């Protein structure tokens, strides 16, 4: 398997052609900003808080991809509803982007 494909499969690089603007457009498209913001908690945790919580976990992108599809109930009062209409590839790109964020 070529190295670039191996890195992509491992979630260490974004998909070809995906940059931060593309992923931020996906976050807007799927209304993620209704509950989340980059640096501030709203109904849900901030993206940076999510990244910090999962830092160092090699399964984090898969976990967040599954949360988008299936929903979850974290430590806050409101559960994240399932979003089955979000394609898995989009959910994975958004998860990898969020995990790349730092304070």
PDB file of N, CA and C in Angstrom:
ATOM      1  N   UNK A   1       0.854  -1.178   0.000  1.00  0.00           N
ATOM      2  CA  UNK A   1       0.000   0.000   0.000  1.00  0.00           C
ATOM      3  C   UNK A   1       0.896   1.235   0.000  1.00  0.00           C
ATOM      4  N   UNK A   2       0.666   2.187  -0.901  1.00  0.00           N
ATOM      5  CA  UNK A   2       1.476   3.402  -0.905  1.00  0.00           C
ATOM      6  C   UNK A   2       1.373   4.136   0.430  1.00  0.00           C
ATOM      7  N   UNK A   3       2.458   4.801   0.805  1.00  0.00           N
ATOM      8  CA  UNK A   3       2.544   5.487   2.087  1.00  0.00           C
ATOM      9  C   UNK A   3       1.406   6.489   2.291  1.00  0.00           C
ATOM     10  N   UNK A   4       1.073   7.280   1.285  1.00  0.00           N
ATOM     11  CA  UNK A   4       0.008   8.286   1.423  1.00  0.00           C
ATOM     12  C   UNK A   4      -1.326   7.626   1.747  1.00  0.00           C
ATOM     13  N   UNK A   5      -1.622   6.492   1.105  1.00  0.00           N
ATOM     14  CA  UNK A   5      -2.873   5.788   1.398  1.00  0.00           C
ATOM     15  C   UNK A   5      -2.850   5.209   2.801  1.00  0.00           C
ATOM     16  N   UNK A   6      -1.710   4.714   3.229  1.00  0.00           N
ATOM     17  CA  UNK A   6      -1.580   4.191   4.585  1.00  0.00           C
ATOM     18  C   UNK A   6      -1.824   5.302   5.603  1.00  0.00           C
ATOM     19  N   UNK A   7      -1.250   6.476   5.371  1.00  0.00           N
ATOM     20  CA  UNK A   7      -1.442   7.610   6.277  1.00  0.00           C
ATOM     21  C   UNK A   7      -2.904   8.048   6.285  1.00  0.00           C
ATOM     22  N   UNK A   8      -3.537   8.078   5.133  1.00  0.00           N
ATOM     23  CA  UNK A   8      -4.942   8.451   5.044  1.00  0.00           C
ATOM     24  C   UNK A   8      -5.797   7.445   5.801  1.00  0.00           C
ATOM     25  N   UNK A   9      -5.533   6.166   5.593  1.00  0.00           N
ATOM     26  CA  UNK A   9      -6.299   5.118   6.277  1.00  0.00           C
ATOM     27  C   UNK A   9      -6.117   5.208   7.786  1.00  0.00           C
ATOM     28  N   UNK A  10      -4.958   5.604   8.223  1.00  0.00           N
ATOM     29  CA  UNK A  10      -4.692   5.726   9.652  1.00  0.00           C
ATOM     30  C   UNK A  10      -5.269   7.008  10.231  1.00  0.00           C
ATOM     31  N   UNK A  11      -5.796   7.876   9.368  1.00  0.00           N
ATOM     32  CA  UNK A  11      -6.380   9.116   9.852  1.00  0.00           C
ATOM     33  C   UNK A  11      -5.359  10.175  10.201  1.00  0.00           C
ATOM     34  N   UNK A  12      -4.149  10.052   9.668  1.00  0.00           N
ATOM     35  CA  UNK A  12      -3.103  10.996  10.009  1.00  0.00           C
ATOM     36  C   UNK A  12      -3.037  12.184   9.070  1.00  0.00           C
ATOM     37  N   UNK A  13      -3.725  12.114   7.964  1.00  0.00           N
ATOM     38  CA  UNK A  13      -3.811  13.241   7.052  1.00  0.00           C
ATOM     39  C   UNK A  13      -5.243  13.345   6.564  1.00  0.00           C
ATOM     40  N   UNK A  14      -5.624  14.517   6.171  1.00  0.00           N
ATOM     41  CA  UNK A  14      -6.976  14.711   5.639  1.00  0.00           C
ATOM     42  C   UNK A  14      -7.064  14.142   4.236  1.00  0.00           C
ATOM     43  N   UNK A  15      -8.267  13.935   3.803  1.00  0.00           N
ATOM     44  CA  UNK A  15      -8.477  13.425   2.452  1.00  0.00           C
ATOM     45  C   UNK A  15      -7.930  14.413   1.438  1.00  0.00           C
ATOM     46  N   UNK A  16      -7.492  13.918   0.290  1.00  0.00           N
ATOM     47  CA  UNK A  16      -6.968  14.812  -0.734  1.00  0.00           C
ATOM     48  C   UNK A  16      -7.989  15.892  -1.083  1.00  0.00           C
ATOM     49  N   UNK A  17      -7.514  17.120  -1.165  1.00  0.00           N
ATOM     50  CA  UNK A  17      -8.383  18.222  -1.544  1.00  0.00           C
ATOM     51  C   UNK A  17      -9.154  18.828  -0.384  1.00  0.00           C
ATOM     52  N   UNK A  18      -9.143  18.206   0.786  1.00  0.00           N
ATOM     53  CA  UNK A  18      -9.860  18.752   1.933  1.00  0.00           C
ATOM     54  C   UNK A  18      -8.935  19.696   2.680  1.00  0.00           C
ATOM     55  N   UNK A  19      -9.359  20.933   2.818  1.00  0.00           N
ATOM     56  CA  UNK A  19      -8.603  21.848   3.657  1.00  0.00           C
ATOM     57  C   UNK A  19      -9.551  22.396   4.714  1.00  0.00           C
ATOM     58  N   UNK A  20      -9.022  23.227   5.600  1.00  0.00           N
ATOM     59  CA  UNK A  20      -9.824  23.730   6.714  1.00  0.00           C
ATOM     60  C   UNK A  20     -11.092  24.423   6.230  1.00  0.00           C
ATOM     61  N   UNK A  21     -11.004  25.180   5.142  1.00  0.00           N
ATOM     62  CA  UNK A  21     -12.203  25.877   4.630  1.00  0.00           C
ATOM     63  C   UNK A  21     -13.271  24.885   4.193  1.00  0.00           C
ATOM     64  N   UNK A  22     -12.846  23.798   3.554  1.00  0.00           N
ATOM     65  CA  UNK A  22     -13.800  22.770   3.125  1.00  0.00           C
ATOM     66  C   UNK A  22     -14.505  22.151   4.329  1.00  0.00           C
ATOM     67  N   UNK A  23     -13.734  21.827   5.352  1.00  0.00           N
ATOM     68  CA  UNK A  23     -14.308  21.172   6.522  1.00  0.00           C
ATOM     69  C   UNK A  23     -15.180  22.154   7.301  1.00  0.00           C
ATOM     70  N   UNK A  24     -14.751  23.392   7.422  1.00  0.00           N
ATOM     71  CA  UNK A  24     -15.582  24.398   8.091  1.00  0.00           C
ATOM     72  C   UNK A  24     -16.906  24.584   7.341  1.00  0.00           C
ATOM     73  N   UNK A  25     -16.888  24.461   6.027  1.00  0.00           N
ATOM     74  CA  UNK A  25     -18.131  24.519   5.244  1.00  0.00           C
ATOM     75  C   UNK A  25     -19.030  23.325   5.581  1.00  0.00           C
ATOM     76  N   UNK A  26     -18.436  22.152   5.793  1.00  0.00           N
ATOM     77  CA  UNK A  26     -19.227  20.982   6.193  1.00  0.00           C
ATOM     78  C   UNK A  26     -19.854  21.198   7.568  1.00  0.00           C
ATOM     79  N   UNK A  27     -19.091  21.765   8.496  1.00  0.00           N
ATOM     80  CA  UNK A  27     -19.626  22.031   9.834  1.00  0.00           C
ATOM     81  C   UNK A  27     -20.831  22.977   9.756  1.00  0.00           C
ATOM     82  N   UNK A  28     -20.752  23.950   8.856  1.00  0.00           N
ATOM     83  CA  UNK A  28     -21.897  24.857   8.653  1.00  0.00           C
ATOM     84  C   UNK A  28     -23.045  24.126   7.962  1.00  0.00           C
ATOM     85  N   UNK A  29     -22.732  23.345   6.950  1.00  0.00           N
ATOM     86  CA  UNK A  29     -23.756  22.628   6.187  1.00  0.00           C
ATOM     87  C   UNK A  29     -24.612  21.746   7.087  1.00  0.00           C
ATOM     88  N   UNK A  30     -23.977  21.080   8.037  1.00  0.00           N
ATOM     89  CA  UNK A  30     -24.706  20.156   8.909  1.00  0.00           C
ATOM     90  C   UNK A  30     -25.142  20.807  10.221  1.00  0.00           C
ATOM     91  N   UNK A  31     -25.078  22.133  10.290  1.00  0.00           N
ATOM     92  CA  UNK A  31     -25.567  22.915  11.436  1.00  0.00           C
ATOM     93  C   UNK A  31     -24.887  22.567  12.756  1.00  0.00           C
ATOM     94  N   UNK A  32     -23.638  22.187  12.717  1.00  0.00           N
ATOM     95  CA  UNK A  32     -22.914  21.863  13.947  1.00  0.00           C
ATOM     96  C   UNK A  32     -22.817  23.085  14.871  1.00  0.00           C
ATOM     97  N   UNK A  33     -22.768  24.280  14.276  1.00  0.00           N
ATOM     98  CA  UNK A  33     -22.632  25.509  15.062  1.00  0.00           C
ATOM     99  C   UNK A  33     -23.873  25.811  15.892  1.00  0.00           C
ATOM    100  N   UNK A  34     -24.956  25.110  15.656  1.00  0.00           N
ATOM    101  CA  UNK A  34     -26.130  25.292  16.500  1.00  0.00           C
ATOM    102  C   UNK A  34     -25.789  24.925  17.939  1.00  0.00           C
ATOM    103  N   UNK A  35     -24.949  23.916  18.124  1.00  0.00           N
ATOM    104  CA  UNK A  35     -24.610  23.441  19.470  1.00  0.00           C
ATOM    105  C   UNK A  35     -23.132  23.583  19.834  1.00  0.00           C
ATOM    106  N   UNK A  36     -22.263  23.791  18.849  1.00  0.00           N
ATOM    107  CA  UNK A  36     -20.823  23.828  19.105  1.00  0.00           C
ATOM    108  C   UNK A  36     -20.203  25.079  18.492  1.00  0.00           C
ATOM    109  N   UNK A  37     -19.101  25.517  19.092  1.00  0.00           N
ATOM    110  CA  UNK A  37     -18.268  26.595  18.545  1.00  0.00           C
ATOM    111  C   UNK A  37     -16.819  26.184  18.754  1.00  0.00           C
ATOM    112  N   UNK A  38     -15.918  26.853  18.078  1.00  0.00           N
ATOM    113  CA  UNK A  38     -14.512  26.473  18.177  1.00  0.00           C
ATOM    114  C   UNK A  38     -14.008  26.559  19.609  1.00  0.00           C
ATOM    115  N   UNK A  39     -14.228  27.702  20.257  1.00  0.00           N
ATOM    116  CA  UNK A  39     -13.611  27.951  21.560  1.00  0.00           C
ATOM    117  C   UNK A  39     -14.588  28.105  22.718  1.00  0.00           C
ATOM    118  N   UNK A  40     -15.878  28.052  22.463  1.00  0.00           N
ATOM    119  CA  UNK A  40     -16.822  28.261  23.565  1.00  0.00           C
ATOM    120  C   UNK A  40     -17.857  27.149  23.619  1.00  0.00           C
ATOM    121  N   UNK A  41     -18.173  26.752  24.837  1.00  0.00           N
ATOM    122  CA  UNK A  41     -19.213  25.749  25.029  1.00  0.00           C
ATOM    123  C   UNK A  41     -20.563  26.410  24.779  1.00  0.00           C
ATOM    124  N   UNK A  42     -21.403  25.726  24.095  1.00  0.00           N
ATOM    125  CA  UNK A  42     -22.788  26.154  23.883  1.00  0.00           C
ATOM    126  C   UNK A  42     -23.652  25.057  24.474  1.00  0.00           C
ATOM    127  N   UNK A  43     -24.616  24.581  23.738  1.00  0.00           N
ATOM    128  CA  UNK A  43     -25.379  23.429  24.197  1.00  0.00           C
ATOM    129  C   UNK A  43     -24.453  22.228  24.319  1.00  0.00           C
ATOM    130  N   UNK A  44     -23.499  22.132  23.410  1.00  0.00           N
ATOM    131  CA  UNK A  44     -22.488  21.080  23.448  1.00  0.00           C
ATOM    132  C   UNK A  44     -21.125  21.684  23.720  1.00  0.00           C
ATOM    133  N   UNK A  45     -20.127  20.852  23.929  1.00  0.00           N
ATOM    134  CA  UNK A  45     -18.779  21.354  24.204  1.00  0.00           C
ATOM    135  C   UNK A  45     -18.165  22.031  22.980  1.00  0.00           C
ATOM    136  N   UNK A  46     -17.159  22.869  23.239  1.00  0.00           N
ATOM    137  CA  UNK A  46     -16.448  23.504  22.128  1.00  0.00           C
ATOM    138  C   UNK A  46     -15.651  22.444  21.377  1.00  0.00           C
ATOM    139  N   UNK A  47     -15.310  22.756  20.130  1.00  0.00           N
ATOM    140  CA  UNK A  47     -14.483  21.840  19.346  1.00  0.00           C
ATOM    141  C   UNK A  47     -13.131  21.621  20.028  1.00  0.00           C
ATOM    142  N   UNK A  48     -12.556  22.688  20.588  1.00  0.00           N
ATOM    143  CA  UNK A  48     -11.261  22.562  21.259  1.00  0.00           C
ATOM    144  C   UNK A  48     -11.383  21.656  22.477  1.00  0.00           C
ATOM    145  N   UNK A  49     -12.487  21.771  23.212  1.00  0.00           N
ATOM    146  CA  UNK A  49     -12.706  20.897  24.370  1.00  0.00           C
ATOM    147  C   UNK A  49     -12.810  19.431  23.925  1.00  0.00           C
ATOM    148  N   UNK A  50     -13.492  19.199  22.834  1.00  0.00           N
ATOM    149  CA  UNK A  50     -13.606  17.839  22.298  1.00  0.00           C
ATOM    150  C   UNK A  50     -12.226  17.316  21.921  1.00  0.00           C
ATOM    151  N   UNK A  51     -11.438  18.136  21.232  1.00  0.00           N
ATOM    152  CA  UNK A  51     -10.085  17.726  20.825  1.00  0.00           C
ATOM    153  C   UNK A  51      -9.221  17.430  22.039  1.00  0.00           C
ATOM    154  N   UNK A  52      -9.297  18.274  23.050  1.00  0.00           N
ATOM    155  CA  UNK A  52      -8.499  18.084  24.261  1.00  0.00           C
ATOM    156  C   UNK A  52      -8.901  16.795  24.971  1.00  0.00           C
ATOM    157  N   UNK A  53     -10.183  16.537  25.059  1.00  0.00           N
ATOM    158  CA  UNK A  53     -10.690  15.332  25.735  1.00  0.00           C
ATOM    159  C   UNK A  53     -10.187  14.055  25.052  1.00  0.00           C
ATOM    160  N   UNK A  54     -10.038  14.091  23.745  1.00  0.00           N
ATOM    161  CA  UNK A  54      -9.664  12.885  22.990  1.00  0.00           C
ATOM    162  C   UNK A  54      -8.196  12.830  22.596  1.00  0.00           C
ATOM    163  N   UNK A  55      -7.416  13.847  22.973  1.00  0.00           N
ATOM    164  CA  UNK A  55      -6.011  13.905  22.572  1.00  0.00           C
ATOM    165  C   UNK A  55      -5.270  12.649  23.015  1.00  0.00           C
ATOM    166  N   UNK A  56      -4.509  12.099  22.109  1.00  0.00           N
ATOM    167  CA  UNK A  56      -3.705  10.922  22.402  1.00  0.00           C
ATOM    168  C   UNK A  56      -4.437   9.600  22.200  1.00  0.00           C
ATOM    169  N   UNK A  57      -5.720   9.647  21.921  1.00  0.00           N
ATOM    170  CA  UNK A  57      -6.477   8.416  21.700  1.00  0.00           C
ATOM    171  C   UNK A  57      -6.442   8.083  20.212  1.00  0.00           C
ATOM    172  N   UNK A  58      -5.791   6.997  19.827  1.00  0.00           N
ATOM    173  CA  UNK A  58      -5.695   6.670  18.403  1.00  0.00           C
ATOM    174  C   UNK A  58      -7.045   6.321  17.770  1.00  0.00           C
ATOM    175  N   UNK A  59      -8.050   6.050  18.575  1.00  0.00           N
ATOM    176  CA  UNK A  59      -9.378   5.714  18.059  1.00  0.00           C
ATOM    177  C   UNK A  59     -10.327   6.911  18.058  1.00  0.00           C
ATOM    178  N   UNK A  60      -9.816   8.091  18.392  1.00  0.00           N
ATOM    179  CA  UNK A  60     -10.669   9.265  18.559  1.00  0.00           C
ATOM    180  C   UNK A  60     -11.468   9.615  17.299  1.00  0.00           C
ATOM    181  N   UNK A  61     -10.844   9.603  16.137  1.00  0.00           N
ATOM    182  CA  UNK A  61     -11.568   9.957  14.905  1.00  0.00           C
ATOM    183  C   UNK A  61     -12.705   8.977  14.644  1.00  0.00           C
ATOM    184  N   UNK A  62     -12.463   7.707  14.881  1.00  0.00           N
ATOM    185  CA  UNK A  62     -13.516   6.703  14.699  1.00  0.00           C
ATOM    186  C   UNK A  62     -14.642   6.905  15.710  1.00  0.00           C
ATOM    187  N   UNK A  63     -14.285   7.228  16.942  1.00  0.00           N
ATOM    188  CA  UNK A  63     -15.290   7.468  17.978  1.00  0.00           C
ATOM    189  C   UNK A  63     -16.169   8.650  17.600  1.00  0.00           C
ATOM    190  N   UNK A  64     -15.542   9.763  17.211  1.00  0.00           N
ATOM    191  CA  UNK A  64     -16.316  10.961  16.864  1.00  0.00           C
ATOM    192  C   UNK A  64     -17.150  10.747  15.605  1.00  0.00           C
ATOM    193  N   UNK A  65     -16.629   9.992  14.658  1.00  0.00           N
ATOM    194  CA  UNK A  65     -17.395   9.674  13.449  1.00  0.00           C
ATOM    195  C   UNK A  65     -18.655   8.901  13.826  1.00  0.00           C
ATOM    196  N   UNK A  66     -18.508   7.971  14.742  1.00  0.00           N
ATOM    197  CA  UNK A  66     -19.655   7.182  15.212  1.00  0.00           C
ATOM    198  C   UNK A  66     -20.643   8.056  15.997  1.00  0.00           C
ATOM    199  N   UNK A  67     -20.141   8.994  16.789  1.00  0.00           N
ATOM    200  CA  UNK A  67     -21.011   9.894  17.554  1.00  0.00           C
ATOM    201  C   UNK A  67     -21.880  10.718  16.611  1.00  0.00           C
ATOM    202  N   UNK A  68     -21.312  11.192  15.509  1.00  0.00           N
ATOM    203  CA  UNK A  68     -22.104  11.951  14.536  1.00  0.00           C
ATOM    204  C   UNK A  68     -23.247  11.090  14.011  1.00  0.00           C
ATOM    205  N   UNK A  69     -22.961   9.866  13.669  1.00  0.00           N
ATOM    206  CA  UNK A  69     -23.976   8.986  13.085  1.00  0.00           C
ATOM    207  C   UNK A  69     -25.002   8.504  14.099  1.00  0.00           C
ATOM    208  N   UNK A  70     -24.545   8.148  15.285  1.00  0.00           N
ATOM    209  CA  UNK A  70     -25.413   7.473  16.263  1.00  0.00           C
ATOM    210  C   UNK A  70     -25.886   8.370  17.397  1.00  0.00           C
ATOM    211  N   UNK A  71     -25.236   9.542  17.570  1.00  0.00           N
ATOM    212  CA  UNK A  71     -25.562  10.388  18.708  1.00  0.00           C
ATOM    213  C   UNK A  71     -24.815   9.911  19.943  1.00  0.00           C
ATOM    214  N   UNK A  72     -24.917  10.683  21.015  1.00  0.00           N
ATOM    215  CA  UNK A  72     -24.228  10.333  22.263  1.00  0.00           C
ATOM    216  C   UNK A  72     -24.758  11.217  23.374  1.00  0.00           C
ATOM    217  N   UNK A  73     -24.484  10.813  24.587  1.00  0.00           N
ATOM    218  CA  UNK A  73     -24.793  11.658  25.738  1.00  0.00           C
ATOM    219  C   UNK A  73     -23.528  11.787  26.552  1.00  0.00           C
ATOM    220  N   UNK A  74     -22.903  12.951  26.441  1.00  0.00           N
ATOM    221  CA  UNK A  74     -21.665  13.206  27.172  1.00  0.00           C
ATOM    222  C   UNK A  74     -21.958  13.613  28.597  1.00  0.00           C
ATOM    223  N   UNK A  75     -21.127  14.476  29.137  1.00  0.00           N
ATOM    224  CA  UNK A  75     -21.271  14.885  30.530  1.00  0.00           C
ATOM    225  C   UNK A  75     -22.251  16.046  30.713  1.00  0.00           C
ATOM    226  N   UNK A  76     -22.662  16.687  29.631  1.00  0.00           N
ATOM    227  CA  UNK A  76     -23.582  17.816  29.734  1.00  0.00           C
ATOM    228  C   UNK A  76     -25.031  17.370  29.839  1.00  0.00           C
ATOM    229  N   UNK A  77     -25.930  18.335  29.976  1.00  0.00           N
ATOM    230  CA  UNK A  77     -27.342  17.994  30.158  1.00  0.00           C
ATOM    231  C   UNK A  77     -28.064  17.563  28.880  1.00  0.00           C
ATOM    232  N   UNK A  78     -27.510  17.900  27.709  1.00  0.00           N
ATOM    233  CA  UNK A  78     -28.201  17.626  26.459  1.00  0.00           C
ATOM    234  C   UNK A  78     -27.487  16.570  25.648  1.00  0.00           C
ATOM    235  N   UNK A  79     -28.191  15.554  25.190  1.00  0.00           N
ATOM    236  CA  UNK A  79     -27.552  14.556  24.333  1.00  0.00           C
ATOM    237  C   UNK A  79     -27.364  15.097  22.920  1.00  0.00           C
ATOM    238  N   UNK A  80     -26.354  14.591  22.243  1.00  0.00           N
ATOM    239  CA  UNK A  80     -26.195  14.904  20.827  1.00  0.00           C
ATOM    240  C   UNK A  80     -27.078  13.939  20.057  1.00  0.00           C
ATOM    241  N   UNK A  81     -27.983  14.473  19.237  1.00  0.00           N
ATOM    242  CA  UNK A  81     -28.859  13.576  18.488  1.00  0.00           C
ATOM    243  C   UNK A  81     -28.089  12.876  17.368  1.00  0.00           C
ATOM    244  N   UNK A  82     -28.555  11.729  16.945  1.00  0.00           N
ATOM    245  CA  UNK A  82     -27.922  11.067  15.803  1.00  0.00           C
ATOM    246  C   UNK A  82     -28.156  11.876  14.531  1.00  0.00           C
ATOM    247  N   UNK A  83     -27.174  11.890  13.667  1.00  0.00           N
ATOM    248  CA  UNK A  83     -27.258  12.600  12.393  1.00  0.00           C
ATOM    249  C   UNK A  83     -26.971  11.618  11.258  1.00  0.00           C
ATOM    250  N   UNK A  84     -27.873  10.665  11.023  1.00  0.00           N
ATOM    251  CA  UNK A  84     -27.609   9.631  10.017  1.00  0.00           C
ATOM    252  C   UNK A  84     -27.526  10.168   8.591  1.00  0.00           C
ATOM    253  N   UNK A  85     -28.003  11.398   8.356  1.00  0.00           N
ATOM    254  CA  UNK A  85     -27.954  11.970   7.017  1.00  0.00           C
ATOM    255  C   UNK A  85     -26.549  12.450   6.639  1.00  0.00           C
ATOM    256  N   UNK A  86     -25.640  12.546   7.610  1.00  0.00           N
ATOM    257  CA  UNK A  86     -24.275  12.989   7.336  1.00  0.00           C
ATOM    258  C   UNK A  86     -23.483  11.796   6.801  1.00  0.00           C
ATOM    259  N   UNK A  87     -22.969  11.896   5.575  1.00  0.00           N
ATOM    260  CA  UNK A  87     -22.161  10.791   5.036  1.00  0.00           C
ATOM    261  C   UNK A  87     -20.950  10.508   5.925  1.00  0.00           C
ATOM    262  N   UNK A  88     -20.606   9.253   6.039  1.00  0.00           N
ATOM    263  CA  UNK A  88     -19.486   8.849   6.893  1.00  0.00           C
ATOM    264  C   UNK A  88     -18.193   9.579   6.515  1.00  0.00           C
ATOM    265  N   UNK A  89     -17.961   9.780   5.238  1.00  0.00           N
ATOM    266  CA  UNK A  89     -16.728  10.469   4.819  1.00  0.00           C
ATOM    267  C   UNK A  89     -16.711  11.908   5.330  1.00  0.00           C
ATOM    268  N   UNK A  90     -17.864  12.580   5.295  1.00  0.00           N
ATOM    269  CA  UNK A  90     -17.938  13.947   5.825  1.00  0.00           C
ATOM    270  C   UNK A  90     -17.746  13.947   7.337  1.00  0.00           C
ATOM    271  N   UNK A  91     -18.392  13.009   8.014  1.00  0.00           N
ATOM    272  CA  UNK A  91     -18.253  12.923   9.472  1.00  0.00           C
ATOM    273  C   UNK A  91     -16.797  12.688   9.857  1.00  0.00           C
ATOM    274  N   UNK A  92     -16.111  11.845   9.110  1.00  0.00           N
ATOM    275  CA  UNK A  92     -14.705  11.556   9.400  1.00  0.00           C
ATOM    276  C   UNK A  92     -13.836  12.799   9.183  1.00  0.00           C
ATOM    277  N   UNK A  93     -14.071  13.527   8.096  1.00  0.00           N
ATOM    278  CA  UNK A  93     -13.310  14.759   7.856  1.00  0.00           C
ATOM    279  C   UNK A  93     -13.530  15.770   8.973  1.00  0.00           C
ATOM    280  N   UNK A  94     -14.785  15.916   9.406  1.00  0.00           N
ATOM    281  CA  UNK A  94     -15.079  16.857  10.487  1.00  0.00           C
ATOM    282  C   UNK A  94     -14.417  16.411  11.783  1.00  0.00           C
ATOM    283  N   UNK A  95     -14.450  15.113  12.071  1.00  0.00           N
ATOM    284  CA  UNK A  95     -13.821  14.596  13.286  1.00  0.00           C
ATOM    285  C   UNK A  95     -12.316  14.854  13.271  1.00  0.00           C
ATOM    286  N   UNK A  96     -11.667  14.573  12.155  1.00  0.00           N
ATOM    287  CA  UNK A  96     -10.217  14.778  12.058  1.00  0.00           C
ATOM    288  C   UNK A  96      -9.875  16.260  12.198  1.00  0.00           C
ATOM    289  N   UNK A  97     -10.676  17.119  11.601  1.00  0.00           N
ATOM    290  CA  UNK A  97     -10.444  18.569  11.738  1.00  0.00           C
ATOM    291  C   UNK A  97     -10.565  18.992  13.198  1.00  0.00           C
ATOM    292  N   UNK A  98     -11.658  18.586  13.834  1.00  0.00           N
ATOM    293  CA  UNK A  98     -11.862  18.966  15.246  1.00  0.00           C
ATOM    294  C   UNK A  98     -10.705  18.472  16.104  1.00  0.00           C
ATOM    295  N   UNK A  99     -10.274  17.260  15.870  1.00  0.00           N
ATOM    296  CA  UNK A  99      -9.163  16.702  16.666  1.00  0.00           C
ATOM    297  C   UNK A  99      -7.849  17.422  16.430  1.00  0.00           C
ATOM    298  N   UNK A 100      -7.737  18.146  15.330  1.00  0.00           N
ATOM    299  CA  UNK A 100      -6.487  18.877  15.035  1.00  0.00           C
ATOM    300  C   UNK A 100      -6.429  20.236  15.745  1.00  0.00           C
ATOM    301  N   UNK A 101      -7.528  20.672  16.330  1.00  0.00           N
ATOM    302  CA  UNK A 101      -7.589  22.004  16.928  1.00  0.00           C
ATOM    303  C   UNK A 101      -6.861  22.065  18.262  1.00  0.00           C
ATOM    304  N   UNK A 102      -6.273  23.198  18.524  1.00  0.00           N
ATOM    305  CA  UNK A 102      -5.555  23.470  19.792  1.00  0.00           C
ATOM    306  C   UNK A 102      -6.046  24.805  20.322  1.00  0.00           C
ATOM    307  N   UNK A 103      -5.839  25.026  21.614  1.00  0.00           N
ATOM    308  CA  UNK A 103      -6.171  26.332  22.229  1.00  0.00           C
ATOM    309  C   UNK A 103      -5.380  27.430  21.591  1.00  0.00           C
TER     310      UNK A 103
END
